[in-house]
Amino acid sequence: MGPVWPKFPRAVGTLIIVAKGESSSSSATNQMTFTSPRVSAGTQVVVHQEVRGSNGVAVHPRGAVGIVARTPAGTEVNYLIRFADGFETSLERSRFEVLKHFKDRLPASDALGNFQLEDCVIYRCTVGSRAYGLDTETSDTDLRGIYQAPPEMQWSLFGAPDQFEDNEAQTCYWELQKFLVMALRANPNMLECLYSPLVDKTSVIGDRLLSIRECFLSRMIFQTFNGYALSQFKKLEQDLRNQGEIRWKHAMHLLRLLLTGAATLRERRMPVRVENHRDRLLAVRHGEVSWGDINVWRGELHRDFEAALHQTRLPERPDYEKVNAFLVEARRSQIHPVVSQP
């Protein structure tokens, strides 16, 4: 059984920085907007403002600790916070913080600003429609890649961001360790990045990674790709019932994913381009194929995917040990010049 890998990520800002151990909705975040999660009754919290009574007199200072006595119901937005002396006040979620999170949170720092992360990029490629062979005159150029955080950033209290993005430039880079972990989980985005036919930039470490990319391929591709397609087609069916329409482009990419997954199991490499199916896939994207016909095609693809699973010579699991050895060596290569100095 393979090792248990950590979970990822989270995003912020126009140049999006994704911090370790947090979650990100997608690369479409353009503003620093976060929705605070709901807090259960009985949770200890820290208030972000001075608490005043009905007469305007300060009762508790900013930073005081209370307990959530009641959570919002219906259209309510305020929580009832009770303090040790029995005083209660009503506060919006943004005006307090869970005590545990308050104690765990590091102070604001400009440490990340001291590094030019784009200078640390070790691999970059074109993904999306241009890599798939499904591009049109209006298609964007989507760039994805990998960066290796400098040791000073990795060793700091603040750590290295798992991901950074620039929506305007349509680029996204994952830190090397995060990329490897997600690729080992058969994440389609990572595997397509490794097998993109359109490589824009690479390096010694990037070339070394490409030389072992077959280590990431395993039968797990079936569970990941097929499972995702099944769940997403179910959502599309719900959209069709509830809204009378679906996202045709999304349907096209789900079909493409099934095609790519089956081909990968058979060929033991990932053929990212699907030019042989271009006309049929683009017809789906443009809404020229009925939902019934799409369902027939995807049923055929699911069956073909299962047949490929029975025939494949790929291992049950990816080669964790070899990938881990690569990561250790990549990290060592960063400090070797320092260690070798007198």
C-alpha atoms as a PDB file:
ATOM      1  CA  MET A   1       0.000   0.000   0.000  1.00  0.00           C
ATOM      2  CA  GLY A   2       1.371   3.421  -0.960  1.00  0.00           C
ATOM      3  CA  PRO A   3       2.042   6.252   1.469  1.00  0.00           C
ATOM      4  CA  VAL A   4      -0.663   8.616   2.672  1.00  0.00           C
ATOM      5  CA  TRP A   5      -0.126  11.943   0.948  1.00  0.00           C
ATOM      6  CA  PRO A   6      -1.087  15.372   2.305  1.00  0.00           C
ATOM      7  CA  LYS A   7      -4.058  17.316   1.042  1.00  0.00           C
ATOM      8  CA  PHE A   8      -3.887  20.616  -0.814  1.00  0.00           C
ATOM      9  CA  PRO A   9      -4.394  23.821  -1.781  1.00  0.00           C
ATOM     10  CA  ARG A  10      -5.794  27.464  -1.560  1.00  0.00           C
ATOM     11  CA  ALA A  11      -5.752  30.657  -3.695  1.00  0.00           C
ATOM     12  CA  VAL A  12      -5.615  34.455  -3.315  1.00  0.00           C
ATOM     13  CA  GLY A  13      -5.422  37.644  -5.297  1.00  0.00           C
ATOM     14  CA  THR A  14      -4.824  38.675  -8.895  1.00  0.00           C
ATOM     15  CA  LEU A  15      -1.473  36.935  -8.766  1.00  0.00           C
ATOM     16  CA  ILE A  16      -2.848  33.988  -6.869  1.00  0.00           C
ATOM     17  CA  ILE A  17      -0.704  32.485  -4.115  1.00  0.00           C
ATOM     18  CA  VAL A  18      -1.790  29.077  -2.871  1.00  0.00           C
ATOM     19  CA  ALA A  19      -0.658  28.301   0.675  1.00  0.00           C
ATOM     20  CA  LYS A  20       0.083  24.829   1.988  1.00  0.00           C
ATOM     21  CA  GLY A  21      -2.690  22.784   3.527  1.00  0.00           C
ATOM     22  CA  GLU A  22      -5.528  25.084   2.505  1.00  0.00           C
ATOM     23  CA  SER A  23      -8.169  24.777  -0.201  1.00  0.00           C
ATOM     24  CA  SER A  24      -8.707  26.548  -3.502  1.00  0.00           C
ATOM     25  CA  SER A  25     -11.909  26.811  -5.494  1.00  0.00           C
ATOM     26  CA  SER A  26     -10.209  27.270  -8.874  1.00  0.00           C
ATOM     27  CA  SER A  27      -7.863  29.429 -10.857  1.00  0.00           C
ATOM     28  CA  ALA A  28     -10.719  31.812 -11.622  1.00  0.00           C
ATOM     29  CA  THR A  29     -10.267  33.831  -8.428  1.00  0.00           C
ATOM     30  CA  ASN A  30      -9.490  37.435  -9.356  1.00  0.00           C
ATOM     31  CA  GLN A  31     -10.059  39.215  -6.072  1.00  0.00           C
ATOM     32  CA  MET A  32      -9.028  38.559  -2.492  1.00  0.00           C
ATOM     33  CA  THR A  33     -12.490  37.389  -1.483  1.00  0.00           C
ATOM     34  CA  PHE A  34     -12.949  34.606   1.024  1.00  0.00           C
ATOM     35  CA  THR A  35     -16.147  33.177   2.432  1.00  0.00           C
ATOM     36  CA  SER A  36     -15.652  32.361   6.106  1.00  0.00           C
ATOM     37  CA  PRO A  37     -16.892  28.865   6.941  1.00  0.00           C
ATOM     38  CA  ARG A  38     -19.791  28.427   9.357  1.00  0.00           C
ATOM     39  CA  VAL A  39     -18.904  27.924  12.999  1.00  0.00           C
ATOM     40  CA  SER A  40     -20.728  25.440  15.229  1.00  0.00           C
ATOM     41  CA  ALA A  41     -22.361  26.361  18.514  1.00  0.00           C
ATOM     42  CA  GLY A  42     -20.012  25.859  21.466  1.00  0.00           C
ATOM     43  CA  THR A  43     -16.900  26.863  19.513  1.00  0.00           C
ATOM     44  CA  GLN A  44     -14.460  29.199  21.278  1.00  0.00           C
ATOM     45  CA  VAL A  45     -13.794  32.347  19.260  1.00  0.00           C
ATOM     46  CA  VAL A  46     -11.690  35.529  19.398  1.00  0.00           C
ATOM     47  CA  VAL A  47     -13.379  38.851  18.582  1.00  0.00           C
ATOM     48  CA  HIS A  48     -11.695  41.194  16.108  1.00  0.00           C
ATOM     49  CA  GLN A  49     -13.188  44.364  17.561  1.00  0.00           C
ATOM     50  CA  GLU A  50     -13.952  46.011  20.868  1.00  0.00           C
ATOM     51  CA  VAL A  51     -17.306  44.824  22.197  1.00  0.00           C
ATOM     52  CA  ARG A  52     -19.634  47.533  23.506  1.00  0.00           C
ATOM     53  CA  GLY A  53     -22.848  47.374  25.466  1.00  0.00           C
ATOM     54  CA  SER A  54     -26.151  48.999  24.497  1.00  0.00           C
ATOM     55  CA  ASN A  55     -24.996  52.210  26.230  1.00  0.00           C
ATOM     56  CA  GLY A  56     -21.881  52.378  24.058  1.00  0.00           C
ATOM     57  CA  VAL A  57     -19.499  51.567  26.913  1.00  0.00           C
ATOM     58  CA  ALA A  58     -16.702  49.090  26.159  1.00  0.00           C
ATOM     59  CA  VAL A  59     -17.412  45.744  27.809  1.00  0.00           C
ATOM     60  CA  HIS A  60     -14.714  43.514  26.308  1.00  0.00           C
ATOM     61  CA  PRO A  61     -11.518  44.466  24.427  1.00  0.00           C
ATOM     62  CA  ARG A  62     -10.521  43.368  20.952  1.00  0.00           C
ATOM     63  CA  GLY A  63      -8.997  39.891  21.286  1.00  0.00           C
ATOM     64  CA  ALA A  64     -11.395  38.768  24.017  1.00  0.00           C
ATOM     65  CA  VAL A  65     -12.479  35.120  23.962  1.00  0.00           C
ATOM     66  CA  GLY A  66     -16.114  34.029  23.895  1.00  0.00           C
ATOM     67  CA  ILE A  67     -18.218  31.043  22.901  1.00  0.00           C
ATOM     68  CA  VAL A  68     -20.730  30.753  20.061  1.00  0.00           C
ATOM     69  CA  ALA A  69     -24.035  30.472  21.896  1.00  0.00           C
ATOM     70  CA  ARG A  70     -26.286  30.437  18.828  1.00  0.00           C
ATOM     71  CA  THR A  71     -25.684  30.120  15.095  1.00  0.00           C
ATOM     72  CA  PRO A  72     -27.620  31.996  12.378  1.00  0.00           C
ATOM     73  CA  ALA A  73     -30.902  30.494  11.237  1.00  0.00           C
ATOM     74  CA  GLY A  74     -32.714  31.095   7.979  1.00  0.00           C
ATOM     75  CA  THR A  75     -31.730  34.460   6.518  1.00  0.00           C
ATOM     76  CA  GLU A  76     -29.883  35.548   9.671  1.00  0.00           C
ATOM     77  CA  VAL A  77     -26.188  36.370   9.345  1.00  0.00           C
ATOM     78  CA  ASN A  78     -25.192  37.131  12.940  1.00  0.00           C
ATOM     79  CA  TYR A  79     -23.879  34.759  15.594  1.00  0.00           C
ATOM     80  CA  LEU A  80     -24.664  35.158  19.289  1.00  0.00           C
ATOM     81  CA  ILE A  81     -21.362  35.264  21.199  1.00  0.00           C
ATOM     82  CA  ARG A  82     -21.346  34.735  24.986  1.00  0.00           C
ATOM     83  CA  PHE A  83     -18.419  35.794  27.189  1.00  0.00           C
ATOM     84  CA  ALA A  84     -17.247  34.369  30.527  1.00  0.00           C
ATOM     85  CA  ASP A  85     -19.123  37.037  32.509  1.00  0.00           C
ATOM     86  CA  GLY A  86     -22.399  36.106  30.793  1.00  0.00           C
ATOM     87  CA  PHE A  87     -22.461  39.164  28.501  1.00  0.00           C
ATOM     88  CA  GLU A  88     -23.787  38.369  25.028  1.00  0.00           C
ATOM     89  CA  THR A  89     -23.446  40.205  21.727  1.00  0.00           C
ATOM     90  CA  SER A  90     -24.483  39.596  18.132  1.00  0.00           C
ATOM     91  CA  LEU A  91     -21.647  39.578  15.564  1.00  0.00           C
ATOM     92  CA  GLU A  92     -21.237  38.873  11.864  1.00  0.00           C
ATOM     93  CA  ARG A  93     -18.893  36.020  10.962  1.00  0.00           C
ATOM     94  CA  SER A  94     -16.195  38.385   9.690  1.00  0.00           C
ATOM     95  CA  ARG A  95     -15.900  40.018  13.139  1.00  0.00           C
ATOM     96  CA  PHE A  96     -14.533  36.996  14.981  1.00  0.00           C
ATOM     97  CA  GLU A  97     -12.174  34.085  14.438  1.00  0.00           C
ATOM     98  CA  VAL A  98     -12.083  30.528  15.752  1.00  0.00           C
ATOM     99  CA  LEU A  99      -9.647  30.447  18.700  1.00  0.00           C
ATOM    100  CA  LYS A 100      -7.718  27.463  17.353  1.00  0.00           C
ATOM    101  CA  HIS A 101      -7.215  29.181  13.997  1.00  0.00           C
ATOM    102  CA  PHE A 102      -6.188  32.394  15.750  1.00  0.00           C
ATOM    103  CA  LYS A 103      -3.439  30.585  17.655  1.00  0.00           C
ATOM    104  CA  ASP A 104      -2.245  28.676  14.596  1.00  0.00           C
ATOM    105  CA  ARG A 105      -2.154  31.664  12.260  1.00  0.00           C
ATOM    106  CA  LEU A 106       1.263  33.123  11.536  1.00  0.00           C
ATOM    107  CA  PRO A 107       1.609  36.910  11.449  1.00  0.00           C
ATOM    108  CA  ALA A 108       1.392  38.714   8.140  1.00  0.00           C
ATOM    109  CA  SER A 109       4.718  38.722   6.343  1.00  0.00           C
ATOM    110  CA  ASP A 110       6.217  40.033   3.137  1.00  0.00           C
ATOM    111  CA  ALA A 111       8.546  37.011   3.056  1.00  0.00           C
ATOM    112  CA  LEU A 112       7.032  35.777  -0.194  1.00  0.00           C
ATOM    113  CA  GLY A 113       7.611  39.157  -1.756  1.00  0.00           C
ATOM    114  CA  ASN A 114      11.359  38.660  -1.436  1.00  0.00           C
ATOM    115  CA  PHE A 115      11.273  35.919  -4.062  1.00  0.00           C
ATOM    116  CA  GLN A 116      10.560  36.136  -7.780  1.00  0.00           C
ATOM    117  CA  LEU A 117       8.776  32.819  -8.156  1.00  0.00           C
ATOM    118  CA  GLU A 118       8.749  32.949 -11.952  1.00  0.00           C
ATOM    119  CA  ASP A 119      12.551  32.767 -11.819  1.00  0.00           C
ATOM    120  CA  CYS A 120      12.130  29.395 -10.097  1.00  0.00           C
ATOM    121  CA  VAL A 121      10.089  27.804 -12.912  1.00  0.00           C
ATOM    122  CA  ILE A 122      11.651  24.502 -14.001  1.00  0.00           C
ATOM    123  CA  TYR A 123       9.019  23.417 -16.539  1.00  0.00           C
ATOM    124  CA  ARG A 124       6.278  25.101 -18.546  1.00  0.00           C
ATOM    125  CA  CYS A 125       3.971  23.824 -21.275  1.00  0.00           C
ATOM    126  CA  THR A 126       0.809  24.672 -23.178  1.00  0.00           C
ATOM    127  CA  VAL A 127      -2.313  22.788 -22.128  1.00  0.00           C
ATOM    128  CA  GLY A 128      -5.995  23.024 -22.984  1.00  0.00           C
ATOM    129  CA  SER A 129      -7.517  23.082 -26.448  1.00  0.00           C
ATOM    130  CA  ARG A 130      -4.242  23.864 -28.217  1.00  0.00           C
ATOM    131  CA  ALA A 131      -2.559  20.838 -26.675  1.00  0.00           C
ATOM    132  CA  TYR A 132      -5.607  18.643 -27.350  1.00  0.00           C
ATOM    133  CA  GLY A 133      -5.758  19.620 -31.021  1.00  0.00           C
ATOM    134  CA  LEU A 134      -9.214  21.122 -30.427  1.00  0.00           C
ATOM    135  CA  ASP A 135      -8.269  24.789 -30.764  1.00  0.00           C
ATOM    136  CA  THR A 136     -10.127  27.287 -32.905  1.00  0.00           C
ATOM    137  CA  GLU A 137      -9.364  30.851 -33.985  1.00  0.00           C
ATOM    138  CA  THR A 138     -10.648  32.203 -30.665  1.00  0.00           C
ATOM    139  CA  SER A 139      -8.867  29.707 -28.398  1.00  0.00           C
ATOM    140  CA  ASP A 140      -6.716  31.062 -25.591  1.00  0.00           C
ATOM    141  CA  THR A 141      -3.214  29.836 -24.841  1.00  0.00           C
ATOM    142  CA  ASP A 142      -3.181  28.267 -21.380  1.00  0.00           C
ATOM    143  CA  LEU A 143       0.236  27.782 -19.801  1.00  0.00           C
ATOM    144  CA  ARG A 144       0.899  25.442 -16.887  1.00  0.00           C
ATOM    145  CA  GLY A 145       4.108  24.492 -15.204  1.00  0.00           C
ATOM    146  CA  ILE A 146       6.185  23.632 -12.172  1.00  0.00           C
ATOM    147  CA  TYR A 147       8.408  25.755  -9.990  1.00  0.00           C
ATOM    148  CA  GLN A 148      10.872  24.668  -7.327  1.00  0.00           C
ATOM    149  CA  ALA A 149      10.811  26.924  -4.302  1.00  0.00           C
ATOM    150  CA  PRO A 150      14.240  28.081  -3.109  1.00  0.00           C
ATOM    151  CA  PRO A 151      15.479  26.462   0.141  1.00  0.00           C
ATOM    152  CA  GLU A 152      15.181  29.730   2.079  1.00  0.00           C
ATOM    153  CA  MET A 153      11.468  29.748   1.330  1.00  0.00           C
ATOM    154  CA  GLN A 154      10.917  26.048   2.012  1.00  0.00           C
ATOM    155  CA  TRP A 155      12.714  26.229   5.359  1.00  0.00           C
ATOM    156  CA  SER A 156      10.996  29.397   6.557  1.00  0.00           C
ATOM    157  CA  LEU A 157       8.079  29.536   8.990  1.00  0.00           C
ATOM    158  CA  PHE A 158       5.851  30.613   6.135  1.00  0.00           C
ATOM    159  CA  GLY A 159       6.859  27.835   3.760  1.00  0.00           C
ATOM    160  CA  ALA A 160       6.460  27.875   0.005  1.00  0.00           C
ATOM    161  CA  PRO A 161       3.106  28.450  -1.714  1.00  0.00           C
ATOM    162  CA  ASP A 162       1.722  25.291  -3.269  1.00  0.00           C
ATOM    163  CA  GLN A 163       0.680  27.232  -6.329  1.00  0.00           C
ATOM    164  CA  PHE A 164       0.819  30.631  -7.938  1.00  0.00           C
ATOM    165  CA  GLU A 165      -1.239  31.890 -10.840  1.00  0.00           C
ATOM    166  CA  ASP A 166      -1.752  34.914 -13.020  1.00  0.00           C
ATOM    167  CA  ASN A 167      -5.254  34.917 -14.480  1.00  0.00           C
ATOM    168  CA  GLU A 168      -4.521  37.748 -16.880  1.00  0.00           C
ATOM    169  CA  ALA A 169      -1.589  35.875 -18.398  1.00  0.00           C
ATOM    170  CA  GLN A 170      -3.473  32.570 -18.033  1.00  0.00           C
ATOM    171  CA  THR A 171      -0.563  30.857 -16.311  1.00  0.00           C
ATOM    172  CA  CYS A 172      -0.484  28.517 -13.339  1.00  0.00           C
ATOM    173  CA  TYR A 173       2.527  26.957 -11.630  1.00  0.00           C
ATOM    174  CA  TRP A 174       2.587  24.273  -8.949  1.00  0.00           C
ATOM    175  CA  GLU A 175       5.416  23.813  -6.477  1.00  0.00           C
ATOM    176  CA  LEU A 176       7.332  20.660  -7.340  1.00  0.00           C
ATOM    177  CA  GLN A 177       6.234  18.567  -4.350  1.00  0.00           C
ATOM    178  CA  LYS A 178       2.567  19.404  -4.753  1.00  0.00           C
ATOM    179  CA  PHE A 179       2.730  18.645  -8.460  1.00  0.00           C
ATOM    180  CA  LEU A 180       4.309  15.246  -7.829  1.00  0.00           C
ATOM    181  CA  VAL A 181       1.775  14.296  -5.162  1.00  0.00           C
ATOM    182  CA  MET A 182      -1.191  15.186  -7.344  1.00  0.00           C
ATOM    183  CA  ALA A 183       0.299  13.470 -10.387  1.00  0.00           C
ATOM    184  CA  LEU A 184       0.746  10.311  -8.295  1.00  0.00           C
ATOM    185  CA  ARG A 185      -2.977  10.503  -7.580  1.00  0.00           C
ATOM    186  CA  ALA A 186      -3.603  10.393 -11.349  1.00  0.00           C
ATOM    187  CA  ASN A 187      -4.844  13.975 -11.444  1.00  0.00           C
ATOM    188  CA  PRO A 188      -5.640  14.591 -15.151  1.00  0.00           C
ATOM    189  CA  ASN A 189      -4.313  18.160 -15.113  1.00  0.00           C
ATOM    190  CA  MET A 190      -0.905  17.055 -13.869  1.00  0.00           C
ATOM    191  CA  LEU A 191      -0.594  14.066 -16.180  1.00  0.00           C
ATOM    192  CA  GLU A 192      -1.595  16.143 -19.203  1.00  0.00           C
ATOM    193  CA  CYS A 193       1.035  18.672 -18.204  1.00  0.00           C
ATOM    194  CA  LEU A 194       3.698  15.945 -18.185  1.00  0.00           C
ATOM    195  CA  TYR A 195       2.615  14.648 -21.584  1.00  0.00           C
ATOM    196  CA  SER A 196       1.800  17.918 -23.349  1.00  0.00           C
ATOM    197  CA  PRO A 197       3.264  17.968 -26.874  1.00  0.00           C
ATOM    198  CA  LEU A 198       3.813  21.730 -26.550  1.00  0.00           C
ATOM    199  CA  VAL A 199       6.689  22.271 -24.114  1.00  0.00           C
ATOM    200  CA  ASP A 200       7.570  25.943 -23.755  1.00  0.00           C
ATOM    201  CA  LYS A 201      10.385  25.765 -21.195  1.00  0.00           C
ATOM    202  CA  THR A 202      12.319  23.117 -19.338  1.00  0.00           C
ATOM    203  CA  SER A 203      15.476  22.678 -17.261  1.00  0.00           C
ATOM    204  CA  VAL A 204      17.797  19.969 -16.005  1.00  0.00           C
ATOM    205  CA  ILE A 205      15.311  19.028 -13.282  1.00  0.00           C
ATOM    206  CA  GLY A 206      12.397  19.397 -15.687  1.00  0.00           C
ATOM    207  CA  ASP A 207      14.047  17.067 -18.188  1.00  0.00           C
ATOM    208  CA  ARG A 208      14.751  14.569 -15.432  1.00  0.00           C
ATOM    209  CA  LEU A 209      11.085  14.634 -14.439  1.00  0.00           C
ATOM    210  CA  LEU A 210       9.973  14.025 -18.022  1.00  0.00           C
ATOM    211  CA  SER A 211      12.352  11.073 -18.212  1.00  0.00           C
ATOM    212  CA  ILE A 212      10.461   9.314 -15.379  1.00  0.00           C
ATOM    213  CA  ARG A 213       6.932  10.418 -16.260  1.00  0.00           C
ATOM    214  CA  GLU A 214       5.851   6.825 -16.881  1.00  0.00           C
ATOM    215  CA  CYS A 215       6.238   6.308 -13.111  1.00  0.00           C
ATOM    216  CA  PHE A 216       3.009   8.275 -12.608  1.00  0.00           C
ATOM    217  CA  LEU A 217       0.896   6.031 -14.839  1.00  0.00           C
ATOM    218  CA  SER A 218      -1.082   3.243 -13.202  1.00  0.00           C
ATOM    219  CA  ARG A 219      -4.500   1.608 -13.145  1.00  0.00           C
ATOM    220  CA  MET A 220      -5.552   4.420 -10.806  1.00  0.00           C
ATOM    221  CA  ILE A 221      -6.175   6.417 -13.993  1.00  0.00           C
ATOM    222  CA  PHE A 222      -9.351   4.399 -14.494  1.00  0.00           C
ATOM    223  CA  GLN A 223     -10.741   5.181 -11.043  1.00  0.00           C
ATOM    224  CA  THR A 224      -9.825   8.867 -11.251  1.00  0.00           C
ATOM    225  CA  PHE A 225     -10.823   9.645 -14.843  1.00  0.00           C
ATOM    226  CA  ASN A 226     -13.863   7.384 -15.046  1.00  0.00           C
ATOM    227  CA  GLY A 227     -15.134   8.350 -11.595  1.00  0.00           C
ATOM    228  CA  TYR A 228     -14.863  12.047 -12.361  1.00  0.00           C
ATOM    229  CA  ALA A 229     -16.642  11.650 -15.701  1.00  0.00           C
ATOM    230  CA  LEU A 230     -19.489   9.683 -14.099  1.00  0.00           C
ATOM    231  CA  SER A 231     -20.066  12.289 -11.381  1.00  0.00           C
ATOM    232  CA  GLN A 232     -19.891  15.204 -13.809  1.00  0.00           C
ATOM    233  CA  PHE A 233     -22.268  13.640 -16.333  1.00  0.00           C
ATOM    234  CA  LYS A 234     -24.722  13.152 -13.468  1.00  0.00           C
ATOM    235  CA  LYS A 235     -24.480  16.881 -12.717  1.00  0.00           C
ATOM    236  CA  LEU A 236     -25.007  17.719 -16.383  1.00  0.00           C
ATOM    237  CA  GLU A 237     -28.166  15.605 -16.384  1.00  0.00           C
ATOM    238  CA  GLN A 238     -29.408  17.538 -13.351  1.00  0.00           C
ATOM    239  CA  ASP A 239     -28.654  20.829 -15.131  1.00  0.00           C
ATOM    240  CA  LEU A 240     -30.621  19.638 -18.145  1.00  0.00           C
ATOM    241  CA  ARG A 241     -33.613  18.702 -15.983  1.00  0.00           C
ATOM    242  CA  ASN A 242     -33.541  21.823 -13.816  1.00  0.00           C
ATOM    243  CA  GLN A 243     -32.357  24.475 -16.262  1.00  0.00           C
ATOM    244  CA  GLY A 244     -33.107  22.997 -19.668  1.00  0.00           C
ATOM    245  CA  GLU A 245     -29.515  23.376 -20.845  1.00  0.00           C
ATOM    246  CA  ILE A 246     -26.009  22.134 -20.182  1.00  0.00           C
ATOM    247  CA  ARG A 247     -22.440  23.347 -20.598  1.00  0.00           C
ATOM    248  CA  TRP A 248     -21.626  21.766 -23.937  1.00  0.00           C
ATOM    249  CA  LYS A 249     -17.925  22.546 -23.643  1.00  0.00           C
ATOM    250  CA  HIS A 250     -17.787  20.656 -20.350  1.00  0.00           C
ATOM    251  CA  ALA A 251     -19.549  17.680 -21.934  1.00  0.00           C
ATOM    252  CA  MET A 252     -16.970  17.696 -24.731  1.00  0.00           C
ATOM    253  CA  HIS A 253     -14.066  17.620 -22.288  1.00  0.00           C
ATOM    254  CA  LEU A 254     -15.608  14.768 -20.304  1.00  0.00           C
ATOM    255  CA  LEU A 255     -15.825  12.706 -23.488  1.00  0.00           C
ATOM    256  CA  ARG A 256     -12.242  13.670 -24.312  1.00  0.00           C
ATOM    257  CA  LEU A 257     -11.165  12.569 -20.831  1.00  0.00           C
ATOM    258  CA  LEU A 258     -12.683   9.121 -21.359  1.00  0.00           C
ATOM    259  CA  LEU A 259     -10.969   8.809 -24.740  1.00  0.00           C
ATOM    260  CA  THR A 260      -7.619   9.834 -23.286  1.00  0.00           C
ATOM    261  CA  GLY A 261      -7.929   7.574 -20.256  1.00  0.00           C
ATOM    262  CA  ALA A 262      -8.638   4.440 -22.283  1.00  0.00           C
ATOM    263  CA  ALA A 263      -5.815   5.224 -24.718  1.00  0.00           C
ATOM    264  CA  THR A 264      -3.401   5.743 -21.815  1.00  0.00           C
ATOM    265  CA  LEU A 265      -4.196   2.346 -20.314  1.00  0.00           C
ATOM    266  CA  ARG A 266      -3.608   0.682 -23.672  1.00  0.00           C
ATOM    267  CA  GLU A 267      -0.529   2.588 -24.807  1.00  0.00           C
ATOM    268  CA  ARG A 268       1.143   3.094 -21.398  1.00  0.00           C
ATOM    269  CA  ARG A 269       1.650   6.749 -22.264  1.00  0.00           C
ATOM    270  CA  MET A 270      -0.795   9.635 -22.368  1.00  0.00           C
ATOM    271  CA  PRO A 271      -1.770  10.720 -25.893  1.00  0.00           C
ATOM    272  CA  VAL A 272      -2.966  14.234 -25.072  1.00  0.00           C
ATOM    273  CA  ARG A 273      -3.963  15.118 -28.628  1.00  0.00           C
ATOM    274  CA  VAL A 274      -7.347  13.801 -29.784  1.00  0.00           C
ATOM    275  CA  GLU A 275      -7.279  15.062 -33.359  1.00  0.00           C
ATOM    276  CA  ASN A 276      -8.876  11.868 -34.691  1.00  0.00           C
ATOM    277  CA  HIS A 277     -12.040  12.805 -32.799  1.00  0.00           C
ATOM    278  CA  ARG A 278     -11.811  16.564 -33.396  1.00  0.00           C
ATOM    279  CA  ASP A 279     -14.886  17.014 -35.610  1.00  0.00           C
ATOM    280  CA  ARG A 280     -17.142  14.929 -33.397  1.00  0.00           C
ATOM    281  CA  LEU A 281     -15.941  16.556 -30.176  1.00  0.00           C
ATOM    282  CA  LEU A 282     -16.279  20.086 -31.546  1.00  0.00           C
ATOM    283  CA  ALA A 283     -19.805  19.255 -32.698  1.00  0.00           C
ATOM    284  CA  VAL A 284     -20.599  18.425 -29.055  1.00  0.00           C
ATOM    285  CA  ARG A 285     -18.995  21.664 -27.905  1.00  0.00           C
ATOM    286  CA  HIS A 286     -21.110  23.701 -30.318  1.00  0.00           C
ATOM    287  CA  GLY A 287     -24.341  22.037 -29.161  1.00  0.00           C
ATOM    288  CA  GLU A 288     -24.849  20.256 -32.461  1.00  0.00           C
ATOM    289  CA  VAL A 289     -25.211  16.805 -30.883  1.00  0.00           C
ATOM    290  CA  SER A 290     -28.305  15.803 -28.938  1.00  0.00           C
ATOM    291  CA  TRP A 291     -28.040  14.821 -25.298  1.00  0.00           C
ATOM    292  CA  GLY A 292     -29.321  11.377 -26.238  1.00  0.00           C
ATOM    293  CA  ASP A 293     -26.524  10.861 -28.750  1.00  0.00           C
ATOM    294  CA  ILE A 294     -23.969  12.137 -26.243  1.00  0.00           C
ATOM    295  CA  ASN A 295     -25.216   9.587 -23.721  1.00  0.00           C
ATOM    296  CA  VAL A 296     -24.901   6.795 -26.270  1.00  0.00           C
ATOM    297  CA  TRP A 297     -21.330   7.815 -27.074  1.00  0.00           C
ATOM    298  CA  ARG A 298     -20.265   8.164 -23.471  1.00  0.00           C
ATOM    299  CA  GLY A 299     -21.769   4.742 -22.697  1.00  0.00           C
ATOM    300  CA  GLU A 300     -19.580   3.282 -25.427  1.00  0.00           C
ATOM    301  CA  LEU A 301     -16.559   5.116 -24.026  1.00  0.00           C
ATOM    302  CA  HIS A 302     -17.191   3.877 -20.483  1.00  0.00           C
ATOM    303  CA  ARG A 303     -17.361   0.294 -21.754  1.00  0.00           C
ATOM    304  CA  ASP A 304     -14.210   0.757 -23.814  1.00  0.00           C
ATOM    305  CA  PHE A 305     -12.454   2.234 -20.780  1.00  0.00           C
ATOM    306  CA  GLU A 306     -13.334  -0.865 -18.737  1.00  0.00           C
ATOM    307  CA  ALA A 307     -12.090  -3.110 -21.532  1.00  0.00           C
ATOM    308  CA  ALA A 308      -8.812  -1.172 -21.560  1.00  0.00           C
ATOM    309  CA  LEU A 309      -8.540  -1.667 -17.796  1.00  0.00           C
ATOM    310  CA  HIS A 310      -8.763  -5.440 -18.228  1.00  0.00           C
ATOM    311  CA  GLN A 311      -6.125  -5.374 -20.970  1.00  0.00           C
ATOM    312  CA  THR A 312      -3.655  -2.862 -19.550  1.00  0.00           C
ATOM    313  CA  ARG A 313      -0.141  -3.753 -18.472  1.00  0.00           C
ATOM    314  CA  LEU A 314       0.132  -0.723 -16.224  1.00  0.00           C
ATOM    315  CA  PRO A 315       0.777  -1.425 -12.514  1.00  0.00           C
ATOM    316  CA  GLU A 316      -1.892  -1.118  -9.847  1.00  0.00           C
ATOM    317  CA  ARG A 317      -0.114   1.852  -8.281  1.00  0.00           C
ATOM    318  CA  PRO A 318       2.399   4.436  -9.483  1.00  0.00           C
ATOM    319  CA  ASP A 319       6.068   4.164  -8.547  1.00  0.00           C
ATOM    320  CA  TYR A 320       6.065   6.171  -5.311  1.00  0.00           C
ATOM    321  CA  GLU A 321       9.622   5.216  -4.410  1.00  0.00           C
ATOM    322  CA  LYS A 322      11.160   6.379  -7.679  1.00  0.00           C
ATOM    323  CA  VAL A 323       9.250   9.651  -7.637  1.00  0.00           C
ATOM    324  CA  ASN A 324      10.223  10.253  -4.020  1.00  0.00           C
ATOM    325  CA  ALA A 325      13.879   9.611  -4.864  1.00  0.00           C
ATOM    326  CA  PHE A 326      13.588  12.147  -7.690  1.00  0.00           C
ATOM    327  CA  LEU A 327      12.161  14.768  -5.317  1.00  0.00           C
ATOM    328  CA  VAL A 328      14.891  14.206  -2.725  1.00  0.00           C
ATOM    329  CA  GLU A 329      17.575  14.523  -5.386  1.00  0.00           C
ATOM    330  CA  ALA A 330      15.949  17.686  -6.773  1.00  0.00           C
ATOM    331  CA  ARG A 331      15.978  19.233  -3.296  1.00  0.00           C
ATOM    332  CA  ARG A 332      19.566  18.190  -2.710  1.00  0.00           C
ATOM    333  CA  SER A 333      20.633  19.774  -5.980  1.00  0.00           C
ATOM    334  CA  GLN A 334      19.517  23.141  -4.601  1.00  0.00           C
ATOM    335  CA  ILE A 335      21.777  23.032  -1.554  1.00  0.00           C
ATOM    336  CA  HIS A 336      24.746  21.138  -2.977  1.00  0.00           C
ATOM    337  CA  PRO A 337      26.587  24.293  -4.091  1.00  0.00           C
ATOM    338  CA  VAL A 338      26.177  25.703  -0.566  1.00  0.00           C
ATOM    339  CA  VAL A 339      27.308  22.506   1.153  1.00  0.00           C
ATOM    340  CA  SER A 340      30.361  22.160  -1.081  1.00  0.00           C
ATOM    341  CA  GLN A 341      31.718  25.607  -0.220  1.00  0.00           C
ATOM    342  CA  PRO A 342      34.646  25.727   2.290  1.00  0.00           C
END
